[in-house]
Amino acid sequence: MAQLPSKLRFAYTPSGGYKAGALYPIVPNNNVGNFQVVRNSIGTRVNKDGLIEVMDANVPRLDYSDGGCPKLLTEASSENLITYSEDFSQGYWVKQSSSVVANQSISPNGTNTAFLYNSTSNTFNFLQATQSVSTLDFFTFSVFIKKGNANGARLSLSGSAYTNARNVEFDLVNGYYTETSSFTRGTIKELSNGWYLCSVGGVPNTNGSLNCRIQAIGDSNNSSLYIWGSQFEKSETPTSYIPTTSATATRNADQVINAGNSSTFNSQNG
């Protein structure tokens, strides 16, 4: 390990150690800088191998999604309103001119659980889950997507809650996106093994039904994508993945508190 600066007051690294309820620094090593960590639910992170990993309640989440040194995730509470976030075979997911096949690729969590989405129409294929919204807040729909024989995908938010659909198209070869409708926000984030976290977001115009839609963009009637891990939440950007199996699920807020005292953290030094 490189020599630490002589005037360093606090340093937190993965080697410093952590456990449920606690995060320890390597400097100082006298227990003064120990943080108490509270999150009364599971949470996920991207681990050092680039895979999504479920962390138990109250365990600090050192996230490597940006590569290099990890960052400590301290997120507000969020609820995934998609009730079957990984099982696209459920009737909950409407298949229009399309089909899905389970266990066709290694997913972002390292297991062979990704679905293959196949279209039978180049213009009107989609996989869709319908939600109900009762507040005019910003909502974001996100999915982990990997190219199949289609190089592009489209995510949309539509339905009676929107005067006009919110659409974003994704280039799954070069890793960029295009917002193809007004009042829309898209994001794309590259993971490992060809996977991207893609999202579309916007504010509804009124209360009502809202369709979270996935489409393949290809040159034929048989366009395919690999998909895994969908999320619909009240947030302006995608937060860390919240898995669901038959009901909505909430990740509680992270609290990192109670380290040190007025001599270690003060109004002059922060």
Protein backbone atom coordinates (compact mmCIF):
# COMPACT_ATOMS: atom_id res chain seq x y z
CA MET A 1 0.00 0.00 0.00
CA ALA A 2 1.31 3.49 -0.83
CA GLN A 3 2.50 5.72 1.99
CA LEU A 4 -0.38 7.78 3.37
CA PRO A 5 0.03 11.56 3.68
CA SER A 6 1.31 12.49 7.13
CA LYS A 7 -1.48 15.04 7.74
CA LEU A 8 -4.30 12.74 6.69
CA ARG A 9 -7.02 12.86 9.33
CA PHE A 10 -9.45 10.25 7.96
CA ALA A 11 -9.27 7.56 5.29
CA TYR A 12 -11.91 4.98 4.45
CA THR A 13 -11.02 2.13 2.08
CA PRO A 14 -12.39 -1.38 1.43
CA SER A 15 -9.41 -2.72 3.40
CA GLY A 16 -10.45 -0.58 6.35
CA GLY A 17 -13.28 -3.05 6.89
CA TYR A 18 -17.03 -3.03 7.33
CA LYS A 19 -19.79 -5.20 8.69
CA ALA A 20 -23.52 -4.91 9.28
CA GLY A 21 -24.02 -1.60 11.05
CA ALA A 22 -20.45 -0.31 10.85
CA LEU A 23 -17.85 1.21 8.52
CA TYR A 24 -14.26 1.44 9.78
CA PRO A 25 -11.48 3.81 8.65
CA ILE A 26 -7.82 2.90 8.23
CA VAL A 27 -7.00 6.36 9.62
CA PRO A 28 -7.40 6.88 12.50
CA ASN A 29 -7.23 3.36 13.93
CA ASN A 30 -8.52 4.24 17.39
CA ASN A 31 -12.27 3.71 16.74
CA VAL A 32 -12.93 7.47 16.76
CA GLY A 33 -13.87 7.58 13.08
CA ASN A 34 -16.11 4.51 13.06
CA PHE A 35 -19.40 5.20 11.28
CA GLN A 36 -22.69 3.61 12.23
CA VAL A 37 -24.54 2.40 9.12
CA VAL A 38 -28.32 1.99 9.07
CA ARG A 39 -30.46 0.72 6.18
CA ASN A 40 -33.39 -1.39 7.28
CA SER A 41 -33.65 -3.38 4.05
CA ILE A 42 -31.46 -5.17 1.56
CA GLY A 43 -29.73 -3.09 -1.09
CA THR A 44 -27.63 -3.81 -4.16
CA ARG A 45 -24.27 -2.63 -5.39
CA VAL A 46 -21.84 -3.31 -8.24
CA ASN A 47 -18.98 -5.28 -6.69
CA LYS A 48 -15.28 -5.24 -7.65
CA ASP A 49 -15.93 -7.93 -10.30
CA GLY A 50 -18.49 -5.66 -12.01
CA LEU A 51 -21.48 -7.77 -10.93
CA ILE A 52 -24.65 -6.65 -9.17
CA GLU A 53 -24.64 -8.05 -5.64
CA VAL A 54 -27.35 -8.04 -2.97
CA MET A 55 -26.16 -6.68 0.39
CA ASP A 56 -27.92 -7.52 3.64
CA ALA A 57 -29.71 -4.89 5.71
CA ASN A 58 -27.41 -2.34 7.37
CA VAL A 59 -24.30 -3.51 5.47
CA PRO A 60 -22.40 -0.59 3.85
CA ARG A 61 -22.51 -0.66 0.05
CA LEU A 62 -19.11 0.05 -1.49
CA ASP A 63 -20.02 0.43 -5.16
CA TYR A 64 -17.56 -0.06 -8.06
CA SER A 65 -19.91 0.91 -10.91
CA ASP A 66 -17.64 3.81 -11.94
CA GLY A 67 -14.51 1.61 -11.92
CA GLY A 68 -11.36 2.18 -9.86
CA CYS A 69 -11.91 3.04 -6.22
CA PRO A 70 -15.40 2.32 -4.90
CA LYS A 71 -17.81 4.92 -3.59
CA LEU A 72 -20.06 4.50 -0.59
CA LEU A 73 -23.71 4.44 -1.69
CA THR A 74 -25.89 6.66 0.47
CA GLU A 75 -29.23 6.77 -1.32
CA ALA A 76 -32.65 8.00 -0.37
CA SER A 77 -35.44 5.48 -0.08
CA SER A 78 -36.94 4.26 -3.35
CA GLU A 79 -39.63 1.75 -4.37
CA ASN A 80 -39.54 -0.45 -7.46
CA LEU A 81 -43.13 -0.44 -8.69
CA ILE A 82 -42.48 -3.26 -11.19
CA THR A 83 -43.76 -6.42 -9.45
CA TYR A 84 -41.83 -8.94 -11.60
CA SER A 85 -38.56 -7.17 -12.22
CA GLU A 86 -36.68 -10.16 -13.69
CA ASP A 87 -39.38 -12.64 -14.81
CA PHE A 88 -40.59 -11.31 -18.16
CA SER A 89 -42.51 -14.55 -18.82
CA GLN A 90 -45.25 -13.47 -16.40
CA GLY A 91 -48.60 -12.37 -17.83
CA TYR A 92 -47.93 -9.10 -16.02
CA TRP A 93 -45.68 -8.36 -19.01
CA VAL A 94 -47.76 -7.95 -22.19
CA LYS A 95 -46.04 -9.27 -25.33
CA GLN A 96 -47.08 -7.52 -28.55
CA SER A 97 -45.66 -9.15 -31.71
CA SER A 98 -42.93 -10.59 -29.53
CA SER A 99 -41.88 -13.45 -27.28
CA VAL A 100 -39.42 -14.01 -24.44
CA VAL A 101 -37.23 -17.01 -23.56
CA ALA A 102 -35.71 -17.44 -20.09
CA ASN A 103 -32.12 -18.27 -19.10
CA GLN A 104 -30.46 -17.32 -22.39
CA SER A 105 -27.43 -15.32 -21.20
CA ILE A 106 -25.36 -14.48 -18.14
CA SER A 107 -27.10 -11.55 -16.49
CA PRO A 108 -25.50 -8.54 -14.74
CA ASN A 109 -25.57 -10.47 -11.43
CA GLY A 110 -23.46 -13.30 -12.86
CA THR A 111 -26.20 -15.92 -13.18
CA ASN A 112 -27.73 -17.45 -16.31
CA THR A 113 -31.05 -15.66 -15.84
CA ALA A 114 -31.23 -13.08 -18.64
CA PHE A 115 -34.19 -13.29 -21.04
CA LEU A 116 -33.97 -13.23 -24.81
CA TYR A 117 -36.59 -10.89 -26.28
CA ASN A 118 -37.62 -11.67 -29.89
CA SER A 119 -39.80 -9.50 -32.11
CA THR A 120 -42.04 -10.63 -34.97
CA SER A 121 -42.67 -7.09 -36.22
CA ASN A 122 -40.04 -4.49 -36.98
CA THR A 123 -42.38 -1.56 -36.26
CA PHE A 124 -44.87 -2.61 -33.60
CA ASN A 125 -43.14 -5.03 -31.26
CA PHE A 126 -43.05 -4.36 -27.54
CA LEU A 127 -42.90 -5.84 -24.06
CA GLN A 128 -44.97 -3.78 -21.66
CA ALA A 129 -45.92 -3.51 -17.99
CA THR A 130 -48.73 -1.13 -16.98
CA GLN A 131 -48.58 0.94 -13.81
CA SER A 132 -50.91 3.47 -12.21
CA VAL A 133 -49.65 6.89 -11.13
CA SER A 134 -51.46 9.28 -8.80
CA THR A 135 -48.85 12.01 -8.40
CA LEU A 136 -47.34 14.34 -10.98
CA ASP A 137 -43.75 13.57 -10.02
CA PHE A 138 -40.79 12.56 -12.12
CA PHE A 139 -40.80 8.80 -12.81
CA THR A 140 -38.00 6.74 -14.33
CA PHE A 141 -38.18 3.35 -16.04
CA SER A 142 -34.90 1.47 -16.37
CA VAL A 143 -33.82 -1.91 -17.76
CA PHE A 144 -30.52 -3.73 -18.17
CA ILE A 145 -30.19 -4.43 -21.92
CA LYS A 146 -27.61 -6.22 -24.08
CA LYS A 147 -27.64 -6.41 -27.87
CA GLY A 148 -28.83 -9.60 -29.53
CA ASN A 149 -29.07 -9.48 -33.30
CA ALA A 150 -30.62 -6.03 -32.90
CA ASN A 151 -28.15 -3.23 -32.28
CA GLY A 152 -30.72 -0.88 -30.79
CA ALA A 153 -33.51 -0.68 -28.25
CA ARG A 154 -36.25 1.80 -27.40
CA LEU A 155 -37.73 2.49 -23.94
CA SER A 156 -41.02 4.36 -23.68
CA LEU A 157 -43.43 5.73 -21.13
CA SER A 158 -46.94 6.07 -22.54
CA GLY A 159 -50.61 5.67 -21.60
CA SER A 160 -53.40 7.89 -20.30
CA ALA A 161 -51.04 9.62 -17.86
CA TYR A 162 -49.10 11.15 -20.75
CA THR A 163 -50.39 13.50 -23.42
CA ASN A 164 -47.46 12.34 -25.55
CA ALA A 165 -45.23 9.32 -25.03
CA ARG A 166 -41.72 9.73 -23.65
CA ASN A 167 -39.27 7.83 -25.88
CA VAL A 168 -35.54 7.19 -25.78
CA GLU A 169 -33.58 5.12 -28.31
CA PHE A 170 -30.34 3.36 -27.38
CA ASP A 171 -27.35 2.37 -29.51
CA LEU A 172 -26.15 -0.83 -27.83
CA VAL A 173 -22.97 -1.00 -29.92
CA ASN A 174 -21.54 2.47 -29.27
CA GLY A 175 -23.27 3.15 -25.94
CA TYR A 176 -25.22 6.32 -26.58
CA TYR A 177 -28.87 7.36 -26.53
CA THR A 178 -31.21 9.76 -28.32
CA GLU A 179 -34.24 11.38 -26.72
CA THR A 180 -36.82 11.21 -29.52
CA SER A 181 -39.67 13.05 -27.79
CA SER A 182 -40.10 16.25 -25.78
CA PHE A 183 -40.01 16.50 -21.97
CA THR A 184 -38.01 13.28 -21.83
CA ARG A 185 -34.81 12.34 -20.04
CA GLY A 186 -32.68 9.36 -21.02
CA THR A 187 -29.57 7.83 -19.50
CA ILE A 188 -27.24 4.98 -20.43
CA LYS A 189 -24.50 3.43 -18.29
CA GLU A 190 -22.12 0.71 -19.45
CA LEU A 191 -21.59 -2.35 -17.28
CA SER A 192 -19.50 -5.44 -17.99
CA ASN A 193 -19.96 -8.10 -20.70
CA GLY A 194 -21.88 -5.89 -23.13
CA TRP A 195 -24.65 -4.88 -20.73
CA TYR A 196 -26.03 -1.34 -20.45
CA LEU A 197 -28.38 0.15 -17.88
CA CYS A 198 -30.82 2.16 -20.01
CA SER A 199 -33.53 4.50 -18.73
CA VAL A 200 -36.32 6.82 -19.81
CA GLY A 201 -37.97 9.35 -17.51
CA GLY A 202 -40.54 12.10 -17.46
CA VAL A 203 -43.33 13.77 -15.52
CA PRO A 204 -46.92 12.58 -16.23
CA ASN A 205 -49.40 15.14 -17.50
CA THR A 206 -52.21 13.73 -15.37
CA ASN A 207 -53.02 10.84 -13.05
CA GLY A 208 -53.79 7.57 -14.80
CA SER A 209 -52.26 4.46 -16.34
CA LEU A 210 -48.69 4.41 -17.50
CA ASN A 211 -47.07 1.83 -19.80
CA CYS A 212 -43.42 0.89 -19.31
CA ARG A 213 -42.44 -0.38 -22.75
CA ILE A 214 -39.37 -2.16 -24.17
CA GLN A 215 -38.85 -2.49 -27.94
CA ALA A 216 -36.16 -3.90 -30.22
CA ILE A 217 -34.90 -1.73 -33.08
CA GLY A 218 -33.64 -3.83 -35.98
CA ASP A 219 -33.70 -4.33 -39.72
CA SER A 220 -35.92 -7.40 -39.78
CA ASN A 221 -39.04 -8.92 -38.22
CA ASN A 222 -36.82 -11.11 -36.07
CA SER A 223 -34.93 -8.65 -33.89
CA SER A 224 -33.64 -9.77 -30.51
CA LEU A 225 -32.32 -8.26 -27.29
CA TYR A 226 -31.15 -9.65 -23.97
CA ILE A 227 -32.97 -8.08 -21.01
CA TRP A 228 -32.78 -8.34 -17.23
CA GLY A 229 -33.66 -6.33 -14.14
CA SER A 230 -36.41 -3.76 -14.79
CA GLN A 231 -37.28 -0.91 -12.44
CA PHE A 232 -39.94 1.83 -12.34
CA GLU A 233 -39.56 4.37 -9.56
CA LYS A 234 -40.34 7.91 -8.48
CA SER A 235 -36.91 9.37 -9.19
CA GLU A 236 -35.26 11.71 -11.69
CA THR A 237 -32.50 9.15 -12.43
CA PRO A 238 -32.18 5.38 -11.95
CA THR A 239 -31.17 4.40 -8.45
CA SER A 240 -29.47 1.13 -7.49
CA TYR A 241 -31.39 -1.94 -8.60
CA ILE A 242 -34.23 -3.19 -6.36
CA PRO A 243 -35.24 -6.80 -7.25
CA THR A 244 -38.88 -7.88 -7.02
CA THR A 245 -40.53 -11.29 -7.41
CA SER A 246 -44.31 -10.84 -7.07
CA ALA A 247 -44.86 -7.48 -5.38
CA THR A 248 -43.31 -4.04 -5.25
CA ALA A 249 -40.23 -3.65 -3.06
CA THR A 250 -38.64 -0.75 -1.22
CA ARG A 251 -34.99 -0.08 -0.50
CA ASN A 252 -34.85 2.01 2.64
CA ALA A 253 -32.60 5.06 2.93
CA ASP A 254 -28.94 4.67 3.85
CA GLN A 255 -27.85 6.49 6.99
CA VAL A 256 -24.14 6.85 7.81
CA ILE A 257 -23.92 8.57 11.18
CA ASN A 258 -22.29 8.98 14.59
CA ALA A 259 -18.56 9.03 13.74
CA GLY A 260 -16.19 11.12 15.77
CA ASN A 261 -16.89 14.14 17.93
CA SER A 262 -16.40 17.90 17.81
CA SER A 263 -12.62 17.52 17.89
CA THR A 264 -12.55 15.26 14.84
CA PHE A 265 -15.36 16.78 12.73
CA ASN A 266 -15.72 20.51 13.28
CA SER A 267 -17.04 23.63 11.59
CA GLN A 268 -13.57 24.61 10.31
CA ASN A 269 -12.41 21.30 8.81
CA GLY A 270 -15.76 19.68 7.94
